[in-house]
Amino acid sequence: MKLIVFKNDVTSQNLSDVVLYTPNMSDDEKMALSQSIDLTISNTLTNSENVINAILPKDYQDSHLDYHLFLTADDNDNKLAQSLDIKTLKNILIYVKDFKDGRVFSLIRQLRKINDHVMIIVGGAFGLDQSSYFVKSGANGFIVNDDKVDTLILTLNDLKTAQSRQSVNALPMFR
């Protein structure tokens, strides 16, 4: 898998594995979770440059500010705001189990509105043709399989407007 991050319209690629840190889950809960996501689940944090440690909201504490908060379309910003100070978050990993509706776009947009400095990375089972909409909503990067990197980059190069809604191309889209 590769992590594709966008900074000032430049893409950077790094090798990345995602490990979901679940110290407070029972074995039965881990088994159920492992059937619904395709990530490694672990009781320990991994100290490697090539690994993204993701933490569930209930396990996310001040000492883990450098790790990625793991969210899905089922999470909403109101629920998160009650349990977390979203303005202090540095990294969020939004996992798309199977794309069914636009809740993920709304979640990204709301998180970006609350914290404009947070790194929001999208992973999971999303269509590459949706990637520009994730960026328009406020995502900073993606985790994709190695064989999809080139397609993702080509798709994103077709991006016409950014989150700020300013056109990248000065020509009007319609005449």
C-alpha atoms as a PDB file:
ATOM      1  CA  MET A   1       0.000   0.000   0.000  1.00  0.00           C
ATOM      2  CA  LYS A   2       1.116   3.545  -0.579  1.00  0.00           C
ATOM      3  CA  LEU A   3       0.324   6.793   1.139  1.00  0.00           C
ATOM      4  CA  ILE A   4      -0.195   9.618  -1.351  1.00  0.00           C
ATOM      5  CA  VAL A   5      -0.086  13.042   0.314  1.00  0.00           C
ATOM      6  CA  PHE A   6      -0.765  16.379  -1.359  1.00  0.00           C
ATOM      7  CA  LYS A   7       1.064  19.526  -0.329  1.00  0.00           C
ATOM      8  CA  ASN A   8       0.689  22.628  -2.468  1.00  0.00           C
ATOM      9  CA  ASP A   9      -0.551  20.554  -5.419  1.00  0.00           C
ATOM     10  CA  VAL A  10       2.519  18.288  -5.256  1.00  0.00           C
ATOM     11  CA  THR A  11       2.126  14.568  -4.600  1.00  0.00           C
ATOM     12  CA  SER A  12       4.522  12.586  -2.464  1.00  0.00           C
ATOM     13  CA  GLN A  13       4.515   8.814  -2.175  1.00  0.00           C
ATOM     14  CA  ASN A  14       5.612   6.788   0.836  1.00  0.00           C
ATOM     15  CA  LEU A  15       5.302   3.127   1.634  1.00  0.00           C
ATOM     16  CA  SER A  16       2.641   2.741   4.309  1.00  0.00           C
ATOM     17  CA  ASP A  17       0.924   0.050   6.245  1.00  0.00           C
ATOM     18  CA  VAL A  18      -1.973   0.928   8.501  1.00  0.00           C
ATOM     19  CA  VAL A  19      -2.171  -0.669  11.933  1.00  0.00           C
ATOM     20  CA  LEU A  20      -5.289  -0.150  14.025  1.00  0.00           C
ATOM     21  CA  TYR A  21      -4.292   0.126  17.685  1.00  0.00           C
ATOM     22  CA  THR A  22      -7.047  -1.446  19.811  1.00  0.00           C
ATOM     23  CA  PRO A  23      -5.762  -1.984  23.368  1.00  0.00           C
ATOM     24  CA  ASN A  24      -9.209  -1.926  25.004  1.00  0.00           C
ATOM     25  CA  MET A  25     -11.035  -4.377  22.738  1.00  0.00           C
ATOM     26  CA  SER A  26     -11.910  -7.937  23.622  1.00  0.00           C
ATOM     27  CA  ASP A  27     -10.803 -10.746  21.313  1.00  0.00           C
ATOM     28  CA  ASP A  28     -14.390 -11.160  20.108  1.00  0.00           C
ATOM     29  CA  GLU A  29     -14.626  -7.452  19.234  1.00  0.00           C
ATOM     30  CA  LYS A  30     -11.305  -7.644  17.371  1.00  0.00           C
ATOM     31  CA  MET A  31     -12.488 -10.692  15.438  1.00  0.00           C
ATOM     32  CA  ALA A  32     -15.699  -8.904  14.404  1.00  0.00           C
ATOM     33  CA  LEU A  33     -13.773  -5.765  13.451  1.00  0.00           C
ATOM     34  CA  SER A  34     -11.197  -7.704  11.425  1.00  0.00           C
ATOM     35  CA  GLN A  35     -14.007  -9.123   9.286  1.00  0.00           C
ATOM     36  CA  SER A  36     -15.242  -5.647   8.358  1.00  0.00           C
ATOM     37  CA  ILE A  37     -11.914  -3.894   7.679  1.00  0.00           C
ATOM     38  CA  ASP A  38      -8.776  -4.989   5.886  1.00  0.00           C
ATOM     39  CA  LEU A  39      -6.285  -3.462   8.320  1.00  0.00           C
ATOM     40  CA  THR A  40      -3.887  -5.046  10.776  1.00  0.00           C
ATOM     41  CA  ILE A  41      -5.255  -4.895  14.324  1.00  0.00           C
ATOM     42  CA  SER A  42      -2.737  -4.714  17.163  1.00  0.00           C
ATOM     43  CA  ASN A  43      -2.436  -4.220  20.932  1.00  0.00           C
ATOM     44  CA  THR A  44       0.820  -2.308  20.500  1.00  0.00           C
ATOM     45  CA  LEU A  45       1.829   0.860  18.701  1.00  0.00           C
ATOM     46  CA  THR A  46       4.344   0.413  15.892  1.00  0.00           C
ATOM     47  CA  ASN A  47       7.394   2.663  15.756  1.00  0.00           C
ATOM     48  CA  SER A  48       8.209   2.660  12.062  1.00  0.00           C
ATOM     49  CA  GLU A  49       8.292   5.415   9.450  1.00  0.00           C
ATOM     50  CA  ASN A  50       6.423   3.153   7.036  1.00  0.00           C
ATOM     51  CA  VAL A  51       3.472   2.521   9.361  1.00  0.00           C
ATOM     52  CA  ILE A  52       0.438   4.651  10.152  1.00  0.00           C
ATOM     53  CA  ASN A  53      -0.864   3.942  13.644  1.00  0.00           C
ATOM     54  CA  ALA A  54      -4.622   4.525  13.738  1.00  0.00           C
ATOM     55  CA  ILE A  55      -6.531   4.817  17.013  1.00  0.00           C
ATOM     56  CA  LEU A  56     -10.267   4.567  17.626  1.00  0.00           C
ATOM     57  CA  PRO A  57     -11.917   7.664  19.174  1.00  0.00           C
ATOM     58  CA  LYS A  58     -12.441   5.903  22.527  1.00  0.00           C
ATOM     59  CA  ASP A  59      -8.701   5.103  22.716  1.00  0.00           C
ATOM     60  CA  TYR A  60      -7.495   8.473  21.460  1.00  0.00           C
ATOM     61  CA  GLN A  61      -5.899  10.414  24.308  1.00  0.00           C
ATOM     62  CA  ASP A  62      -3.619  13.426  24.615  1.00  0.00           C
ATOM     63  CA  SER A  63      -0.543  11.203  24.559  1.00  0.00           C
ATOM     64  CA  HIS A  64      -1.490   9.968  21.069  1.00  0.00           C
ATOM     65  CA  LEU A  65      -1.766  13.319  19.298  1.00  0.00           C
ATOM     66  CA  ASP A  66       0.791  12.302  16.667  1.00  0.00           C
ATOM     67  CA  TYR A  67      -1.160   9.190  15.684  1.00  0.00           C
ATOM     68  CA  HIS A  68      -4.151   9.007  13.340  1.00  0.00           C
ATOM     69  CA  LEU A  69      -7.661   9.080  14.729  1.00  0.00           C
ATOM     70  CA  PHE A  70      -9.590   6.313  12.937  1.00  0.00           C
ATOM     71  CA  LEU A  71     -13.058   7.332  11.694  1.00  0.00           C
ATOM     72  CA  THR A  72     -15.698   5.856   9.398  1.00  0.00           C
ATOM     73  CA  ALA A  73     -18.804   7.275   7.710  1.00  0.00           C
ATOM     74  CA  ASP A  74     -20.774   6.212  10.795  1.00  0.00           C
ATOM     75  CA  ASP A  75     -18.931   8.784  12.933  1.00  0.00           C
ATOM     76  CA  ASN A  76     -20.216  12.323  12.996  1.00  0.00           C
ATOM     77  CA  ASP A  77     -18.623  15.551  14.097  1.00  0.00           C
ATOM     78  CA  ASN A  78     -21.225  16.225  16.814  1.00  0.00           C
ATOM     79  CA  LYS A  79     -20.498  12.927  18.543  1.00  0.00           C
ATOM     80  CA  LEU A  80     -16.754  13.468  18.170  1.00  0.00           C
ATOM     81  CA  ALA A  81     -16.912  17.035  19.467  1.00  0.00           C
ATOM     82  CA  GLN A  82     -18.489  15.766  22.694  1.00  0.00           C
ATOM     83  CA  SER A  83     -15.662  13.320  23.380  1.00  0.00           C
ATOM     84  CA  LEU A  84     -12.648  14.989  21.713  1.00  0.00           C
ATOM     85  CA  ASP A  85     -11.225  18.426  21.188  1.00  0.00           C
ATOM     86  CA  ILE A  86     -11.165  18.244  17.391  1.00  0.00           C
ATOM     87  CA  LYS A  87      -9.161  21.476  17.159  1.00  0.00           C
ATOM     88  CA  THR A  88      -6.149  19.738  18.751  1.00  0.00           C
ATOM     89  CA  LEU A  89      -6.099  16.759  16.384  1.00  0.00           C
ATOM     90  CA  LYS A  90      -3.164  16.511  14.010  1.00  0.00           C
ATOM     91  CA  ASN A  91      -4.063  13.421  11.978  1.00  0.00           C
ATOM     92  CA  ILE A  92      -7.303  11.726  10.975  1.00  0.00           C
ATOM     93  CA  LEU A  93      -7.645   8.526   8.956  1.00  0.00           C
ATOM     94  CA  ILE A  94     -11.092   8.131   7.431  1.00  0.00           C
ATOM     95  CA  TYR A  95     -11.712   4.533   6.453  1.00  0.00           C
ATOM     96  CA  VAL A  96     -14.299   3.864   3.747  1.00  0.00           C
ATOM     97  CA  LYS A  97     -15.645   0.334   4.198  1.00  0.00           C
ATOM     98  CA  ASP A  98     -17.856   0.509   1.132  1.00  0.00           C
ATOM     99  CA  PHE A  99     -18.947   3.781  -0.413  1.00  0.00           C
ATOM    100  CA  LYS A 100     -22.746   4.067  -0.338  1.00  0.00           C
ATOM    101  CA  ASP A 101     -23.505   7.746   0.148  1.00  0.00           C
ATOM    102  CA  GLY A 102     -21.943  11.153   0.677  1.00  0.00           C
ATOM    103  CA  ARG A 103     -21.607  10.991   4.459  1.00  0.00           C
ATOM    104  CA  VAL A 104     -17.825  10.670   4.154  1.00  0.00           C
ATOM    105  CA  PHE A 105     -17.651  13.906   2.145  1.00  0.00           C
ATOM    106  CA  SER A 106     -19.776  15.674   4.760  1.00  0.00           C
ATOM    107  CA  LEU A 107     -17.647  14.332   7.609  1.00  0.00           C
ATOM    108  CA  ILE A 108     -14.444  15.533   5.933  1.00  0.00           C
ATOM    109  CA  ARG A 109     -15.925  18.956   5.219  1.00  0.00           C
ATOM    110  CA  GLN A 110     -17.131  19.375   8.824  1.00  0.00           C
ATOM    111  CA  LEU A 111     -13.800  18.242  10.285  1.00  0.00           C
ATOM    112  CA  ARG A 112     -11.957  20.626   7.964  1.00  0.00           C
ATOM    113  CA  LYS A 113     -14.242  23.478   9.018  1.00  0.00           C
ATOM    114  CA  ILE A 114     -13.453  22.826  12.698  1.00  0.00           C
ATOM    115  CA  ASN A 115      -9.724  22.222  12.243  1.00  0.00           C
ATOM    116  CA  ASP A 116      -8.150  23.578   9.069  1.00  0.00           C
ATOM    117  CA  HIS A 117      -4.665  22.265   9.966  1.00  0.00           C
ATOM    118  CA  VAL A 118      -5.500  18.601  10.512  1.00  0.00           C
ATOM    119  CA  MET A 119      -4.103  16.005   8.087  1.00  0.00           C
ATOM    120  CA  ILE A 120      -7.079  14.022   6.719  1.00  0.00           C
ATOM    121  CA  ILE A 121      -6.216  10.798   4.891  1.00  0.00           C
ATOM    122  CA  VAL A 122      -8.800   8.581   3.163  1.00  0.00           C
ATOM    123  CA  GLY A 123      -8.356   4.819   2.850  1.00  0.00           C
ATOM    124  CA  GLY A 124     -10.436   1.744   2.206  1.00  0.00           C
ATOM    125  CA  ALA A 125     -12.871   0.817  -0.560  1.00  0.00           C
ATOM    126  CA  PHE A 126     -13.569   4.052  -2.393  1.00  0.00           C
ATOM    127  CA  GLY A 127     -13.696   4.539  -6.140  1.00  0.00           C
ATOM    128  CA  LEU A 128     -10.693   6.314  -7.582  1.00  0.00           C
ATOM    129  CA  ASP A 129     -13.099   8.498  -9.556  1.00  0.00           C
ATOM    130  CA  GLN A 130     -14.290   9.893  -6.189  1.00  0.00           C
ATOM    131  CA  SER A 131     -10.815  11.045  -5.147  1.00  0.00           C
ATOM    132  CA  SER A 132     -11.156  14.588  -6.498  1.00  0.00           C
ATOM    133  CA  TYR A 133     -14.365  15.006  -4.476  1.00  0.00           C
ATOM    134  CA  PHE A 134     -12.511  13.912  -1.342  1.00  0.00           C
ATOM    135  CA  VAL A 135      -9.860  16.566  -2.042  1.00  0.00           C
ATOM    136  CA  LYS A 136     -12.548  19.186  -2.714  1.00  0.00           C
ATOM    137  CA  SER A 137     -14.110  18.264   0.636  1.00  0.00           C
ATOM    138  CA  GLY A 138     -10.785  18.786   2.411  1.00  0.00           C
ATOM    139  CA  ALA A 139      -8.819  15.512   2.353  1.00  0.00           C
ATOM    140  CA  ASN A 140      -5.019  15.757   2.205  1.00  0.00           C
ATOM    141  CA  GLY A 141      -4.136  12.279   1.027  1.00  0.00           C
ATOM    142  CA  PHE A 142      -5.047   8.687   0.286  1.00  0.00           C
ATOM    143  CA  ILE A 143      -3.906   5.193   1.101  1.00  0.00           C
ATOM    144  CA  VAL A 144      -4.172   2.945  -1.947  1.00  0.00           C
ATOM    145  CA  ASN A 145      -2.764  -0.338  -3.214  1.00  0.00           C
ATOM    146  CA  ASP A 146       0.424  -0.001  -5.234  1.00  0.00           C
ATOM    147  CA  ASP A 147      -1.308  -0.945  -8.492  1.00  0.00           C
ATOM    148  CA  LYS A 148      -3.760   1.969  -8.142  1.00  0.00           C
ATOM    149  CA  VAL A 149      -1.269   4.764  -7.493  1.00  0.00           C
ATOM    150  CA  ASP A 150      -0.858   5.844 -11.127  1.00  0.00           C
ATOM    151  CA  THR A 151      -4.623   5.864 -11.724  1.00  0.00           C
ATOM    152  CA  LEU A 152      -5.184   7.903  -8.565  1.00  0.00           C
ATOM    153  CA  ILE A 153      -2.603  10.487  -9.577  1.00  0.00           C
ATOM    154  CA  LEU A 154      -4.073  10.760 -13.100  1.00  0.00           C
ATOM    155  CA  THR A 155      -7.548  11.189 -11.628  1.00  0.00           C
ATOM    156  CA  LEU A 156      -6.368  13.898  -9.274  1.00  0.00           C
ATOM    157  CA  ASN A 157      -4.564  15.754 -12.037  1.00  0.00           C
ATOM    158  CA  ASP A 158      -8.008  16.295 -13.553  1.00  0.00           C
ATOM    159  CA  LEU A 159      -9.045  18.208 -10.426  1.00  0.00           C
ATOM    160  CA  LYS A 160     -10.521  21.545 -11.520  1.00  0.00           C
ATOM    161  CA  THR A 161     -11.223  23.261  -8.202  1.00  0.00           C
ATOM    162  CA  ALA A 162      -9.786  23.053  -4.727  1.00  0.00           C
ATOM    163  CA  GLN A 163     -11.495  23.061  -1.331  1.00  0.00           C
ATOM    164  CA  SER A 164     -11.443  26.868  -1.418  1.00  0.00           C
ATOM    165  CA  ARG A 165     -13.782  26.621  -4.436  1.00  0.00           C
ATOM    166  CA  GLN A 166     -11.387  28.718  -6.516  1.00  0.00           C
ATOM    167  CA  SER A 167     -10.861  27.445 -10.015  1.00  0.00           C
ATOM    168  CA  VAL A 168      -7.404  26.128 -10.788  1.00  0.00           C
ATOM    169  CA  ASN A 169      -8.042  26.878 -14.441  1.00  0.00           C
ATOM    170  CA  ALA A 170      -8.922  30.490 -15.248  1.00  0.00           C
ATOM    171  CA  LEU A 171     -11.152  29.489 -18.157  1.00  0.00           C
ATOM    172  CA  PRO A 172     -14.859  29.200 -17.458  1.00  0.00           C
ATOM    173  CA  MET A 173     -16.169  25.658 -17.260  1.00  0.00           C
ATOM    174  CA  PHE A 174     -19.229  26.605 -19.324  1.00  0.00           C
ATOM    175  CA  ARG A 175     -19.684  29.173 -22.077  1.00  0.00           C
END
